Amino acid sequence: MSHGLKIISLAADPFGWQWNLFGTLHSYRAPILPDMAVVWHSQVGLILIGHVVSVWVAHRVALQVFGVRGKAMLSQLPMLALMIGFTIAGLWILAQPLTALRFL
């Protein structure tokens, strides 16, 4: 866990001796943590949206470079396969903590 949110209270008592130098000893002690379901679903959505947008942008650039729709589509097939692989890998990585809990 990061102690970045506690820097104000840590500055008031740097040695843990209850000094309260600046009157901020008990300020910002508990970090504000978002719901893990929201974080997980946001990560999944961002991976999917990011990969779809990147494939779309690459296709638009290929249309400008090649000028012919058929050549542009053929040139994008290896990148499309790679992005599908990246999407699968990203979703697999996000699922690891969920599948690890089943075996405990």
Protein backbone atom coordinates (compact mmCIF):
# COMPACT_ATOMS: atom_id res chain seq x y z
CA MET A 1 0.00 0.00 0.00
CA SER A 2 1.21 3.50 -0.73
CA HIS A 3 1.85 5.97 2.06
CA GLY A 4 1.55 8.95 -0.28
CA LEU A 5 -1.82 9.91 1.17
CA LYS A 6 -0.40 9.93 4.69
CA ILE A 7 2.44 12.38 3.96
CA ILE A 8 0.75 15.27 5.81
CA SER A 9 0.31 13.31 9.02
CA LEU A 10 3.76 11.75 8.67
CA ALA A 11 5.34 15.21 8.35
CA ALA A 12 3.70 16.23 11.66
CA ASP A 13 5.17 13.20 13.45
CA PRO A 14 8.23 11.99 11.51
CA PHE A 15 9.57 9.70 14.26
CA GLY A 16 6.28 8.29 15.57
CA TRP A 17 6.58 10.01 18.96
CA GLN A 18 3.10 11.63 18.89
CA TRP A 19 4.61 15.12 18.42
CA ASN A 20 1.89 16.65 16.19
CA LEU A 21 4.19 19.46 15.01
CA PHE A 22 1.74 21.01 12.54
CA GLY A 23 -1.56 19.94 14.07
CA THR A 24 -2.11 17.42 11.27
CA LEU A 25 -1.22 14.19 13.05
CA HIS A 26 -4.61 12.57 12.53
CA SER A 27 -5.33 14.09 9.11
CA TYR A 28 -5.53 11.76 6.12
CA ARG A 29 -4.74 8.62 8.10
CA ALA A 30 -7.11 6.29 6.28
CA PRO A 31 -6.53 6.07 2.54
CA ILE A 32 -9.54 6.44 0.29
CA LEU A 33 -9.84 3.18 -1.62
CA PRO A 34 -12.37 2.68 -4.40
CA ASP A 35 -14.47 -0.45 -4.63
CA MET A 36 -12.43 -3.23 -6.23
CA ALA A 37 -15.28 -4.22 -8.55
CA VAL A 38 -15.30 -0.70 -9.98
CA VAL A 39 -11.53 -0.78 -10.47
CA TRP A 40 -11.62 -4.21 -12.13
CA HIS A 41 -14.48 -3.35 -14.48
CA SER A 42 -12.81 -0.05 -15.36
CA GLN A 43 -9.59 -1.87 -16.24
CA VAL A 44 -11.45 -4.36 -18.42
CA GLY A 45 -13.32 -1.57 -20.18
CA LEU A 46 -10.18 0.46 -20.74
CA ILE A 47 -8.32 -2.53 -22.19
CA LEU A 48 -11.15 -3.32 -24.58
CA ILE A 49 -11.80 0.28 -25.63
CA GLY A 50 -8.09 1.04 -26.00
CA HIS A 51 -7.46 -1.97 -28.21
CA VAL A 52 -10.52 -1.38 -30.38
CA VAL A 53 -9.63 2.29 -30.85
CA SER A 54 -6.02 1.46 -31.69
CA VAL A 55 -7.10 -1.03 -34.37
CA TRP A 56 -9.54 1.52 -35.80
CA VAL A 57 -6.89 4.28 -35.89
CA ALA A 58 -4.36 1.97 -37.51
CA HIS A 59 -6.93 1.02 -40.14
CA ARG A 60 -7.66 4.68 -40.90
CA VAL A 61 -3.93 5.33 -41.34
CA ALA A 62 -3.61 2.25 -43.58
CA LEU A 63 -6.45 3.55 -45.75
CA GLN A 64 -4.53 6.80 -46.22
CA VAL A 65 -1.25 5.03 -46.97
CA PHE A 66 -2.55 2.38 -49.38
CA GLY A 67 -5.56 4.20 -50.78
CA VAL A 68 -7.18 0.89 -51.74
CA ARG A 69 -9.46 -0.65 -49.15
CA GLY A 70 -8.50 -4.26 -49.93
CA LYS A 71 -4.75 -3.68 -49.51
CA ALA A 72 -5.36 -1.68 -46.34
CA MET A 73 -7.39 -4.52 -44.84
CA LEU A 74 -4.81 -7.15 -45.78
CA SER A 75 -2.01 -5.07 -44.30
CA GLN A 76 -3.87 -4.86 -40.99
CA LEU A 77 -4.51 -8.59 -40.48
CA PRO A 78 -1.21 -9.29 -38.64
CA MET A 79 -1.77 -6.28 -36.39
CA LEU A 80 -5.35 -7.35 -35.74
CA ALA A 81 -4.15 -10.81 -34.68
CA LEU A 82 -1.54 -9.21 -32.42
CA MET A 83 -4.10 -6.90 -30.81
CA ILE A 84 -6.45 -9.82 -30.20
CA GLY A 85 -3.54 -11.58 -28.50
CA PHE A 86 -2.79 -8.49 -26.41
CA THR A 87 -6.45 -8.24 -25.40
CA ILE A 88 -6.56 -11.90 -24.38
CA ALA A 89 -3.29 -11.54 -22.44
CA GLY A 90 -4.48 -8.38 -20.69
CA LEU A 91 -7.79 -9.92 -19.68
CA TRP A 92 -5.99 -13.09 -18.55
CA ILE A 93 -3.66 -11.02 -16.35
CA LEU A 94 -6.62 -9.20 -14.82
CA ALA A 95 -8.35 -12.51 -14.11
CA GLN A 96 -5.39 -14.02 -12.24
CA PRO A 97 -6.29 -12.68 -8.77
CA LEU A 98 -9.84 -13.96 -9.26
CA THR A 99 -8.77 -17.47 -10.23
CA ALA A 100 -6.12 -17.60 -7.49
CA LEU A 101 -8.83 -17.15 -4.84
CA ARG A 102 -10.56 -20.35 -5.94
CA PHE A 103 -7.54 -22.45 -5.01
CA LEU A 104 -7.06 -21.11 -1.49
